Amino acid sequence: MSPWRVYLTLAFGIACISTSSILVKYLGSREIDFLAIAFYRLLFATLLTALPFITNICSELRDFNSKKAVLLFLSGLCLALHFGTWTLSLGYIPVARSVLLVTCHPILTAMASYIFLGEPFSRRNLAASLVAFCGVVVILLESVGEFGSESGLLVGDVLALCGAVAIVGYIVLGRRLRSEIGLASYTAAVYAVSSAVLFLPTAFAGVWPWTLGRAEYFWLVVLALVPTIGGHTVFNYLLKDVSASLVSTAFLGEPVGAALLAWAIWGQIPSIYTLVGGILVMVGIYLVKLELR
């Protein structure tokens, strides 16, 4: 794949995924349980991805061995944990803060790619990772200062960071599996596993299909189409030919787009901690990107 095609595809995926937090926050304001939002998002993404290619997918899945099946399940589990924890974080902290913390995963992905995939990780990347880590610490200083209050900053921060850790497994496993599995089969299987994992908490919350109105269905389908299929599925497409580290680093564009949308729609202005820490995080991640590009 030519470099210009890779970067154009990444740009499209970034634009789509930047709408994710805005749509989730809006659906949450309609009093839909956040875990239920994650479940229906993945359920509709599964249907939209699988139905057009169901014959080919069934044929390919029949040839899976037990090792591939286990790796697919683990990838889906990681994605469910990512969406579940990150979506919950938006109930506690502003959009910019949540998206910034969850997109610090490139430094973790670079390390995991070095360990499990043999992709390069130099001393310069280690230094860049430490810069980004300092940024995360600055952001967390605000929530630690609020510890014991009812603001929920620390809870939201921890949930967003858990989402960052979870997506590392999803990206690294995807890099390995996409060299052996077609795009439709991989995404449909992973989305299906993720939605199955999130079904129980959704059922426990009592958010059944008949409890949702037309407007909720519409925006949930948009959430499945734009940031999930237009974002995550596009990134899965690239994982066959592009390093896991570069695809992970592409998420760096999400905080910028999401913060601008949140400011324009709700007037959410990031705190000084988020701004300073965010600059450090983005500088650190950008240095990792330069080394791996």
C-alpha atoms as a PDB file:
ATOM      1  CA  MET A   1       0.000   0.000   0.000  1.00  0.00           C
ATOM      2  CA  SER A   2       1.418   3.397  -0.995  1.00  0.00           C
ATOM      3  CA  PRO A   3       2.242   5.931   1.773  1.00  0.00           C
ATOM      4  CA  TRP A   4      -0.241   8.548   0.525  1.00  0.00           C
ATOM      5  CA  ARG A   5      -3.048   5.986   0.569  1.00  0.00           C
ATOM      6  CA  VAL A   6      -2.126   4.937   4.108  1.00  0.00           C
ATOM      7  CA  TYR A   7      -2.198   8.517   5.417  1.00  0.00           C
ATOM      8  CA  LEU A   8      -5.418   9.416   3.585  1.00  0.00           C
ATOM      9  CA  THR A   9      -7.074   6.337   5.065  1.00  0.00           C
ATOM     10  CA  LEU A  10      -5.745   7.208   8.526  1.00  0.00           C
ATOM     11  CA  ALA A  11      -7.062  10.773   8.161  1.00  0.00           C
ATOM     12  CA  PHE A  12     -10.518   9.460   7.266  1.00  0.00           C
ATOM     13  CA  GLY A  13     -10.482   7.087  10.252  1.00  0.00           C
ATOM     14  CA  ILE A  14      -9.390   9.856  12.625  1.00  0.00           C
ATOM     15  CA  ALA A  15     -12.160  12.176  11.411  1.00  0.00           C
ATOM     16  CA  CYS A  16     -14.750   9.453  11.978  1.00  0.00           C
ATOM     17  CA  ILE A  17     -13.485   8.330  15.378  1.00  0.00           C
ATOM     18  CA  SER A  18     -13.381  11.912  16.686  1.00  0.00           C
ATOM     19  CA  THR A  19     -17.198  11.890  16.776  1.00  0.00           C
ATOM     20  CA  SER A  20     -17.303   8.899  19.136  1.00  0.00           C
ATOM     21  CA  SER A  21     -17.185  10.687  22.495  1.00  0.00           C
ATOM     22  CA  ILE A  22     -19.638  13.352  21.327  1.00  0.00           C
ATOM     23  CA  LEU A  23     -22.221  10.766  20.307  1.00  0.00           C
ATOM     24  CA  VAL A  24     -21.711   8.737  23.497  1.00  0.00           C
ATOM     25  CA  LYS A  25     -22.030  11.835  25.677  1.00  0.00           C
ATOM     26  CA  TYR A  26     -25.214  12.857  23.844  1.00  0.00           C
ATOM     27  CA  LEU A  27     -26.786   9.412  24.236  1.00  0.00           C
ATOM     28  CA  GLY A  28     -25.818   9.455  27.913  1.00  0.00           C
ATOM     29  CA  SER A  29     -27.641  12.774  28.306  1.00  0.00           C
ATOM     30  CA  ARG A  30     -30.771  10.942  27.088  1.00  0.00           C
ATOM     31  CA  GLU A  31     -30.431   8.784  30.239  1.00  0.00           C
ATOM     32  CA  ILE A  32     -29.243   5.636  28.477  1.00  0.00           C
ATOM     33  CA  ASP A  33     -26.924   3.505  30.604  1.00  0.00           C
ATOM     34  CA  PHE A  34     -23.337   3.975  29.395  1.00  0.00           C
ATOM     35  CA  LEU A  35     -22.577   0.244  29.245  1.00  0.00           C
ATOM     36  CA  ALA A  36     -25.764  -0.227  27.229  1.00  0.00           C
ATOM     37  CA  ILE A  37     -24.509   2.403  24.775  1.00  0.00           C
ATOM     38  CA  ALA A  38     -21.310   0.388  24.324  1.00  0.00           C
ATOM     39  CA  PHE A  39     -23.304  -2.834  23.862  1.00  0.00           C
ATOM     40  CA  TYR A  40     -25.721  -1.509  21.235  1.00  0.00           C
ATOM     41  CA  ARG A  41     -22.884   0.262  19.457  1.00  0.00           C
ATOM     42  CA  LEU A  42     -21.055  -3.037  18.990  1.00  0.00           C
ATOM     43  CA  LEU A  43     -24.218  -5.037  18.296  1.00  0.00           C
ATOM     44  CA  PHE A  44     -25.236  -2.756  15.425  1.00  0.00           C
ATOM     45  CA  ALA A  45     -21.634  -2.650  14.176  1.00  0.00           C
ATOM     46  CA  THR A  46     -21.642  -6.474  14.126  1.00  0.00           C
ATOM     47  CA  LEU A  47     -24.851  -6.608  12.093  1.00  0.00           C
ATOM     48  CA  LEU A  48     -23.777  -3.884   9.672  1.00  0.00           C
ATOM     49  CA  THR A  49     -20.402  -5.535   9.147  1.00  0.00           C
ATOM     50  CA  ALA A  50     -21.513  -9.173   8.963  1.00  0.00           C
ATOM     51  CA  LEU A  51     -24.763  -9.181   7.002  1.00  0.00           C
ATOM     52  CA  PRO A  52     -23.369  -7.975   3.630  1.00  0.00           C
ATOM     53  CA  PHE A  53     -20.607 -10.623   3.719  1.00  0.00           C
ATOM     54  CA  ILE A  54     -22.276 -13.405   5.706  1.00  0.00           C
ATOM     55  CA  THR A  55     -21.533 -16.197   3.189  1.00  0.00           C
ATOM     56  CA  ASN A  56     -17.803 -15.454   2.978  1.00  0.00           C
ATOM     57  CA  ILE A  57     -17.556 -14.936   6.725  1.00  0.00           C
ATOM     58  CA  CYS A  58     -19.185 -18.286   7.547  1.00  0.00           C
ATOM     59  CA  SER A  59     -16.906 -20.024   5.050  1.00  0.00           C
ATOM     60  CA  GLU A  60     -13.784 -18.467   6.565  1.00  0.00           C
ATOM     61  CA  LEU A  61     -14.832 -19.018  10.169  1.00  0.00           C
ATOM     62  CA  ARG A  62     -15.327 -22.752   9.518  1.00  0.00           C
ATOM     63  CA  ASP A  63     -11.618 -23.026   8.724  1.00  0.00           C
ATOM     64  CA  PHE A  64     -10.498 -21.443  11.990  1.00  0.00           C
ATOM     65  CA  ASN A  65      -8.368 -23.560  14.292  1.00  0.00           C
ATOM     66  CA  SER A  66      -8.589 -23.377  18.057  1.00  0.00           C
ATOM     67  CA  LYS A  67      -5.626 -20.995  18.316  1.00  0.00           C
ATOM     68  CA  LYS A  68      -7.225 -18.431  16.005  1.00  0.00           C
ATOM     69  CA  ALA A  69     -10.524 -18.766  17.850  1.00  0.00           C
ATOM     70  CA  VAL A  70      -8.863 -18.085  21.200  1.00  0.00           C
ATOM     71  CA  LEU A  71      -6.986 -15.056  19.845  1.00  0.00           C
ATOM     72  CA  LEU A  72     -10.206 -13.697  18.303  1.00  0.00           C
ATOM     73  CA  PHE A  73     -11.999 -14.106  21.615  1.00  0.00           C
ATOM     74  CA  LEU A  74      -9.193 -12.310  23.474  1.00  0.00           C
ATOM     75  CA  SER A  75      -9.234  -9.489  20.917  1.00  0.00           C
ATOM     76  CA  GLY A  76     -12.998  -9.113  21.313  1.00  0.00           C
ATOM     77  CA  LEU A  77     -12.676  -9.199  25.094  1.00  0.00           C
ATOM     78  CA  CYS A  78     -10.065  -6.423  24.985  1.00  0.00           C
ATOM     79  CA  LEU A  79     -12.333  -4.330  22.756  1.00  0.00           C
ATOM     80  CA  ALA A  80     -15.293  -4.861  25.100  1.00  0.00           C
ATOM     81  CA  LEU A  81     -13.179  -3.784  28.084  1.00  0.00           C
ATOM     82  CA  HIS A  82     -11.961  -0.766  26.121  1.00  0.00           C
ATOM     83  CA  PHE A  83     -15.416   0.424  25.101  1.00  0.00           C
ATOM     84  CA  GLY A  84     -16.967  -0.473  28.445  1.00  0.00           C
ATOM     85  CA  THR A  85     -14.473   1.360  30.663  1.00  0.00           C
ATOM     86  CA  TRP A  86     -13.942   4.347  28.354  1.00  0.00           C
ATOM     87  CA  THR A  87     -17.673   4.850  27.752  1.00  0.00           C
ATOM     88  CA  LEU A  88     -18.267   4.771  31.506  1.00  0.00           C
ATOM     89  CA  SER A  89     -15.542   7.401  32.004  1.00  0.00           C
ATOM     90  CA  LEU A  90     -17.574   9.917  29.992  1.00  0.00           C
ATOM     91  CA  GLY A  91     -20.149   9.876  32.774  1.00  0.00           C
ATOM     92  CA  TYR A  92     -17.545  11.286  35.181  1.00  0.00           C
ATOM     93  CA  ILE A  93     -15.145  13.526  33.275  1.00  0.00           C
ATOM     94  CA  PRO A  94     -15.267  15.966  30.320  1.00  0.00           C
ATOM     95  CA  VAL A  95     -14.831  14.755  26.758  1.00  0.00           C
ATOM     96  CA  ALA A  96     -11.355  16.235  26.170  1.00  0.00           C
ATOM     97  CA  ARG A  97      -9.957  14.751  29.383  1.00  0.00           C
ATOM     98  CA  SER A  98     -11.435  11.297  28.769  1.00  0.00           C
ATOM     99  CA  VAL A  99     -10.329  11.082  25.133  1.00  0.00           C
ATOM    100  CA  LEU A 100      -6.857  12.374  25.957  1.00  0.00           C
ATOM    101  CA  LEU A 101      -6.281   9.746  28.639  1.00  0.00           C
ATOM    102  CA  VAL A 102      -7.673   6.868  26.585  1.00  0.00           C
ATOM    103  CA  THR A 103      -5.518   7.817  23.591  1.00  0.00           C
ATOM    104  CA  CYS A 104      -2.260   7.605  25.543  1.00  0.00           C
ATOM    105  CA  HIS A 105      -2.178   3.956  24.455  1.00  0.00           C
ATOM    106  CA  PRO A 106       0.378   4.399  21.612  1.00  0.00           C
ATOM    107  CA  ILE A 107       3.230   4.376  24.140  1.00  0.00           C
ATOM    108  CA  LEU A 108       1.878   1.125  25.582  1.00  0.00           C
ATOM    109  CA  THR A 109       1.274  -0.317  22.114  1.00  0.00           C
ATOM    110  CA  ALA A 110       4.848   0.483  21.071  1.00  0.00           C
ATOM    111  CA  MET A 111       6.152  -1.452  24.062  1.00  0.00           C
ATOM    112  CA  ALA A 112       3.759  -4.375  23.513  1.00  0.00           C
ATOM    113  CA  SER A 113       4.592  -4.467  19.776  1.00  0.00           C
ATOM    114  CA  TYR A 114       8.285  -4.707  20.631  1.00  0.00           C
ATOM    115  CA  ILE A 115       7.683  -7.572  23.067  1.00  0.00           C
ATOM    116  CA  PHE A 116       5.086  -9.607  21.143  1.00  0.00           C
ATOM    117  CA  LEU A 117       5.559  -8.629  17.484  1.00  0.00           C
ATOM    118  CA  GLY A 118       9.251  -7.773  17.336  1.00  0.00           C
ATOM    119  CA  GLU A 119       8.585  -4.235  16.070  1.00  0.00           C
ATOM    120  CA  PRO A 120      11.435  -1.769  16.891  1.00  0.00           C
ATOM    121  CA  PHE A 121      11.484   0.165  20.175  1.00  0.00           C
ATOM    122  CA  SER A 122      14.594   2.323  20.646  1.00  0.00           C
ATOM    123  CA  ARG A 123      15.976   4.287  23.569  1.00  0.00           C
ATOM    124  CA  ARG A 124      14.553   7.424  21.992  1.00  0.00           C
ATOM    125  CA  ASN A 125      11.110   5.841  22.075  1.00  0.00           C
ATOM    126  CA  LEU A 126      11.646   4.991  25.733  1.00  0.00           C
ATOM    127  CA  ALA A 127      12.443   8.652  26.463  1.00  0.00           C
ATOM    128  CA  ALA A 128       9.390   9.749  24.473  1.00  0.00           C
ATOM    129  CA  SER A 129       7.236   7.335  26.453  1.00  0.00           C
ATOM    130  CA  LEU A 130       8.505   8.836  29.706  1.00  0.00           C
ATOM    131  CA  VAL A 131       7.542  12.333  28.475  1.00  0.00           C
ATOM    132  CA  ALA A 132       4.036  11.121  27.686  1.00  0.00           C
ATOM    133  CA  PHE A 133       3.834   9.376  31.060  1.00  0.00           C
ATOM    134  CA  CYS A 134       4.720  12.662  32.789  1.00  0.00           C
ATOM    135  CA  GLY A 135       1.785  14.223  30.952  1.00  0.00           C
ATOM    136  CA  VAL A 136      -0.557  11.567  32.302  1.00  0.00           C
ATOM    137  CA  VAL A 137       0.768  12.245  35.813  1.00  0.00           C
ATOM    138  CA  VAL A 138       0.036  15.983  35.418  1.00  0.00           C
ATOM    139  CA  ILE A 139      -3.539  15.225  34.359  1.00  0.00           C
ATOM    140  CA  LEU A 140      -3.990  12.858  37.298  1.00  0.00           C
ATOM    141  CA  LEU A 141      -2.738  15.509  39.761  1.00  0.00           C
ATOM    142  CA  GLU A 142      -6.044  17.328  39.355  1.00  0.00           C
ATOM    143  CA  SER A 143      -8.106  14.225  40.096  1.00  0.00           C
ATOM    144  CA  VAL A 144      -5.901  13.263  43.078  1.00  0.00           C
ATOM    145  CA  GLY A 145      -6.507  16.759  44.435  1.00  0.00           C
ATOM    146  CA  GLU A 146     -10.233  16.070  44.178  1.00  0.00           C
ATOM    147  CA  PHE A 147      -9.941  12.702  45.955  1.00  0.00           C
ATOM    148  CA  GLY A 148     -12.725  12.247  48.466  1.00  0.00           C
ATOM    149  CA  SER A 149     -14.990  14.799  46.800  1.00  0.00           C
ATOM    150  CA  GLU A 150     -18.077  14.006  44.752  1.00  0.00           C
ATOM    151  CA  SER A 151     -16.582  15.220  41.468  1.00  0.00           C
ATOM    152  CA  GLY A 152     -15.728  11.700  40.288  1.00  0.00           C
ATOM    153  CA  LEU A 153     -12.599  12.887  38.460  1.00  0.00           C
ATOM    154  CA  LEU A 154     -10.382  10.107  39.787  1.00  0.00           C
ATOM    155  CA  VAL A 155     -12.938   7.416  38.924  1.00  0.00           C
ATOM    156  CA  GLY A 156     -13.299   8.787  35.405  1.00  0.00           C
ATOM    157  CA  ASP A 157      -9.529   9.045  34.943  1.00  0.00           C
ATOM    158  CA  VAL A 158      -8.949   5.452  36.070  1.00  0.00           C
ATOM    159  CA  LEU A 159     -11.710   4.187  33.771  1.00  0.00           C
ATOM    160  CA  ALA A 160     -10.238   6.071  30.790  1.00  0.00           C
ATOM    161  CA  LEU A 161      -6.757   4.706  31.521  1.00  0.00           C
ATOM    162  CA  CYS A 162      -8.176   1.187  31.764  1.00  0.00           C
ATOM    163  CA  GLY A 163      -9.673   1.760  28.328  1.00  0.00           C
ATOM    164  CA  ALA A 164      -6.214   2.735  27.065  1.00  0.00           C
ATOM    165  CA  VAL A 165      -4.648  -0.443  28.444  1.00  0.00           C
ATOM    166  CA  ALA A 166      -7.415  -2.652  27.023  1.00  0.00           C
ATOM    167  CA  ILE A 167      -7.148  -1.321  23.483  1.00  0.00           C
ATOM    168  CA  VAL A 168      -3.443  -2.234  23.376  1.00  0.00           C
ATOM    169  CA  GLY A 169      -4.356  -5.912  23.415  1.00  0.00           C
ATOM    170  CA  TYR A 170      -6.987  -5.329  20.735  1.00  0.00           C
ATOM    171  CA  ILE A 171      -4.535  -3.569  18.395  1.00  0.00           C
ATOM    172  CA  VAL A 172      -1.613  -5.962  18.923  1.00  0.00           C
ATOM    173  CA  LEU A 173      -3.813  -9.039  18.463  1.00  0.00           C
ATOM    174  CA  GLY A 174      -5.424  -7.412  15.438  1.00  0.00           C
ATOM    175  CA  ARG A 175      -2.022  -6.850  13.855  1.00  0.00           C
ATOM    176  CA  ARG A 176      -1.282 -10.554  14.228  1.00  0.00           C
ATOM    177  CA  LEU A 177      -4.694 -11.859  13.132  1.00  0.00           C
ATOM    178  CA  ARG A 178      -5.255  -9.537  10.167  1.00  0.00           C
ATOM    179  CA  SER A 179      -2.347 -11.141   8.305  1.00  0.00           C
ATOM    180  CA  GLU A 180      -4.328 -14.400   8.332  1.00  0.00           C
ATOM    181  CA  ILE A 181      -7.992 -13.346   8.389  1.00  0.00           C
ATOM    182  CA  GLY A 182     -10.069 -11.215   6.024  1.00  0.00           C
ATOM    183  CA  LEU A 183     -11.287  -7.804   7.175  1.00  0.00           C
ATOM    184  CA  ALA A 184     -15.001  -8.640   7.277  1.00  0.00           C
ATOM    185  CA  SER A 185     -14.484 -11.913   9.149  1.00  0.00           C
ATOM    186  CA  TYR A 186     -12.129 -10.376  11.677  1.00  0.00           C
ATOM    187  CA  THR A 187     -14.207  -7.287  12.462  1.00  0.00           C
ATOM    188  CA  ALA A 188     -17.531  -9.129  12.540  1.00  0.00           C
ATOM    189  CA  ALA A 189     -16.143 -11.807  14.868  1.00  0.00           C
ATOM    190  CA  VAL A 190     -14.443  -9.331  17.207  1.00  0.00           C
ATOM    191  CA  TYR A 191     -17.473  -7.016  17.354  1.00  0.00           C
ATOM    192  CA  ALA A 192     -19.730 -10.019  18.027  1.00  0.00           C
ATOM    193  CA  VAL A 193     -17.558 -11.220  20.920  1.00  0.00           C
ATOM    194  CA  SER A 194     -17.428  -7.695  22.358  1.00  0.00           C
ATOM    195  CA  SER A 195     -21.192  -7.219  22.207  1.00  0.00           C
ATOM    196  CA  ALA A 196     -21.714 -10.657  23.813  1.00  0.00           C
ATOM    197  CA  VAL A 197     -19.405  -9.689  26.700  1.00  0.00           C
ATOM    198  CA  LEU A 198     -21.316  -6.429  27.230  1.00  0.00           C
ATOM    199  CA  PHE A 199     -24.757  -8.052  27.017  1.00  0.00           C
ATOM    200  CA  LEU A 200     -24.994  -9.105  30.674  1.00  0.00           C
ATOM    201  CA  PRO A 201     -24.343  -5.659  32.191  1.00  0.00           C
ATOM    202  CA  THR A 202     -26.804  -4.190  29.673  1.00  0.00           C
ATOM    203  CA  ALA A 203     -29.461  -6.734  30.643  1.00  0.00           C
ATOM    204  CA  PHE A 204     -28.756  -6.073  34.321  1.00  0.00           C
ATOM    205  CA  ALA A 205     -29.337  -2.360  33.684  1.00  0.00           C
ATOM    206  CA  GLY A 206     -32.663  -3.201  32.054  1.00  0.00           C
ATOM    207  CA  VAL A 207     -31.944  -1.443  28.764  1.00  0.00           C
ATOM    208  CA  TRP A 208     -33.866  -3.776  26.450  1.00  0.00           C
ATOM    209  CA  PRO A 209     -34.589  -2.965  22.775  1.00  0.00           C
ATOM    210  CA  TRP A 210     -38.220  -2.066  23.476  1.00  0.00           C
ATOM    211  CA  THR A 211     -37.161   0.530  26.045  1.00  0.00           C
ATOM    212  CA  LEU A 212     -35.435   2.635  23.359  1.00  0.00           C
ATOM    213  CA  GLY A 213     -37.159   5.201  21.143  1.00  0.00           C
ATOM    214  CA  ARG A 214     -36.634   5.958  17.460  1.00  0.00           C
ATOM    215  CA  ALA A 215     -34.241   8.812  18.194  1.00  0.00           C
ATOM    216  CA  GLU A 216     -32.076   6.573  20.386  1.00  0.00           C
ATOM    217  CA  TYR A 217     -31.979   3.889  17.704  1.00  0.00           C
ATOM    218  CA  PHE A 218     -31.005   6.454  15.093  1.00  0.00           C
ATOM    219  CA  TRP A 219     -28.059   7.824  17.068  1.00  0.00           C
ATOM    220  CA  LEU A 220     -26.902   4.347  18.118  1.00  0.00           C
ATOM    221  CA  VAL A 221     -26.791   3.321  14.450  1.00  0.00           C
ATOM    222  CA  VAL A 222     -24.854   6.510  13.669  1.00  0.00           C
ATOM    223  CA  LEU A 223     -22.448   5.585  16.490  1.00  0.00           C
ATOM    224  CA  ALA A 224     -21.999   2.153  14.938  1.00  0.00           C
ATOM    225  CA  LEU A 225     -21.577   3.506  11.407  1.00  0.00           C
ATOM    226  CA  VAL A 226     -19.348   6.545  11.798  1.00  0.00           C
ATOM    227  CA  PRO A 227     -16.775   6.104  14.612  1.00  0.00           C
ATOM    228  CA  THR A 228     -16.974   2.288  14.844  1.00  0.00           C
ATOM    229  CA  ILE A 229     -17.073   1.135  11.218  1.00  0.00           C
ATOM    230  CA  GLY A 230     -15.658   4.348   9.750  1.00  0.00           C
ATOM    231  CA  GLY A 231     -12.991   4.522  12.467  1.00  0.00           C
ATOM    232  CA  HIS A 232     -12.138   1.180  14.082  1.00  0.00           C
ATOM    233  CA  THR A 233     -12.909  -0.955  11.026  1.00  0.00           C
ATOM    234  CA  VAL A 234     -10.774   1.308   8.826  1.00  0.00           C
ATOM    235  CA  PHE A 235      -7.911   0.922  11.301  1.00  0.00           C
ATOM    236  CA  ASN A 236      -8.423  -2.861  11.223  1.00  0.00           C
ATOM    237  CA  TYR A 237      -8.147  -2.691   7.439  1.00  0.00           C
ATOM    238  CA  LEU A 238      -4.752  -0.988   7.748  1.00  0.00           C
ATOM    239  CA  LEU A 239      -3.407  -3.456  10.313  1.00  0.00           C
ATOM    240  CA  LYS A 240      -2.714  -5.993   7.570  1.00  0.00           C
ATOM    241  CA  ASP A 241      -0.057  -3.772   5.991  1.00  0.00           C
ATOM    242  CA  VAL A 242       0.835  -1.153   8.631  1.00  0.00           C
ATOM    243  CA  SER A 243       2.580  -1.563  11.991  1.00  0.00           C
ATOM    244  CA  ALA A 244       0.444  -1.736  15.119  1.00  0.00           C
ATOM    245  CA  SER A 245       2.425   1.191  16.548  1.00  0.00           C
ATOM    246  CA  LEU A 246       1.585   3.506  13.635  1.00  0.00           C
ATOM    247  CA  VAL A 247      -2.113   2.601  13.676  1.00  0.00           C
ATOM    248  CA  SER A 248      -2.202   3.166  17.434  1.00  0.00           C
ATOM    249  CA  THR A 249      -0.466   6.523  17.025  1.00  0.00           C
ATOM    250  CA  ALA A 250      -3.133   7.599  14.522  1.00  0.00           C
ATOM    251  CA  PHE A 251      -5.543   7.823  17.456  1.00  0.00           C
ATOM    252  CA  LEU A 252      -3.526  10.889  18.496  1.00  0.00           C
ATOM    253  CA  GLY A 253      -5.753  12.971  16.238  1.00  0.00           C
ATOM    254  CA  GLU A 254      -8.889  12.013  18.184  1.00  0.00           C
ATOM    255  CA  PRO A 255      -8.386  14.275  21.246  1.00  0.00           C
ATOM    256  CA  VAL A 256      -8.008  17.323  19.018  1.00  0.00           C
ATOM    257  CA  GLY A 257     -11.151  16.653  17.008  1.00  0.00           C
ATOM    258  CA  ALA A 258     -13.185  15.576  20.035  1.00  0.00           C
ATOM    259  CA  ALA A 259     -12.084  18.597  22.123  1.00  0.00           C
ATOM    260  CA  LEU A 260     -13.022  21.011  19.314  1.00  0.00           C
ATOM    261  CA  LEU A 261     -16.434  19.391  18.896  1.00  0.00           C
ATOM    262  CA  ALA A 262     -17.073  19.410  22.663  1.00  0.00           C
ATOM    263  CA  TRP A 263     -16.097  23.088  22.844  1.00  0.00           C
ATOM    264  CA  ALA A 264     -18.306  24.000  19.884  1.00  0.00           C
ATOM    265  CA  ILE A 265     -21.336  21.998  21.063  1.00  0.00           C
ATOM    266  CA  TRP A 266     -21.249  22.228  24.860  1.00  0.00           C
ATOM    267  CA  GLY A 267     -18.659  24.910  25.564  1.00  0.00           C
ATOM    268  CA  GLN A 268     -16.419  22.453  27.442  1.00  0.00           C
ATOM    269  CA  ILE A 269     -13.044  24.132  27.983  1.00  0.00           C
ATOM    270  CA  PRO A 270     -10.196  21.856  29.168  1.00  0.00           C
ATOM    271  CA  SER A 271      -8.649  22.642  32.570  1.00  0.00           C
ATOM    272  CA  ILE A 272      -5.055  23.854  32.889  1.00  0.00           C
ATOM    273  CA  TYR A 273      -4.042  20.370  34.095  1.00  0.00           C
ATOM    274  CA  THR A 274      -5.595  18.796  31.009  1.00  0.00           C
ATOM    275  CA  LEU A 275      -3.955  21.341  28.702  1.00  0.00           C
ATOM    276  CA  VAL A 276      -0.441  21.056  30.170  1.00  0.00           C
ATOM    277  CA  GLY A 277      -0.616  17.293  30.604  1.00  0.00           C
ATOM    278  CA  GLY A 278      -2.162  16.929  27.164  1.00  0.00           C
ATOM    279  CA  ILE A 279       0.703  18.792  25.519  1.00  0.00           C
ATOM    280  CA  LEU A 280       3.228  16.487  27.206  1.00  0.00           C
ATOM    281  CA  VAL A 281       1.266  13.385  26.215  1.00  0.00           C
ATOM    282  CA  MET A 282       0.948  14.467  22.591  1.00  0.00           C
ATOM    283  CA  VAL A 283       4.620  15.492  22.341  1.00  0.00           C
ATOM    284  CA  GLY A 284       5.712  12.138  23.757  1.00  0.00           C
ATOM    285  CA  ILE A 285       3.448  10.162  21.442  1.00  0.00           C
ATOM    286  CA  TYR A 286       4.483  12.257  18.452  1.00  0.00           C
ATOM    287  CA  LEU A 287       8.130  11.449  19.137  1.00  0.00           C
ATOM    288  CA  VAL A 288       7.263   7.758  19.170  1.00  0.00           C
ATOM    289  CA  LYS A 289       5.513   8.227  15.860  1.00  0.00           C
ATOM    290  CA  LEU A 290       8.524   9.937  14.296  1.00  0.00           C
ATOM    291  CA  GLU A 291      10.757   7.068  15.309  1.00  0.00           C
ATOM    292  CA  LEU A 292       8.434   4.439  13.902  1.00  0.00           C
ATOM    293  CA  ARG A 293       7.242   6.176  10.738  1.00  0.00           C
END
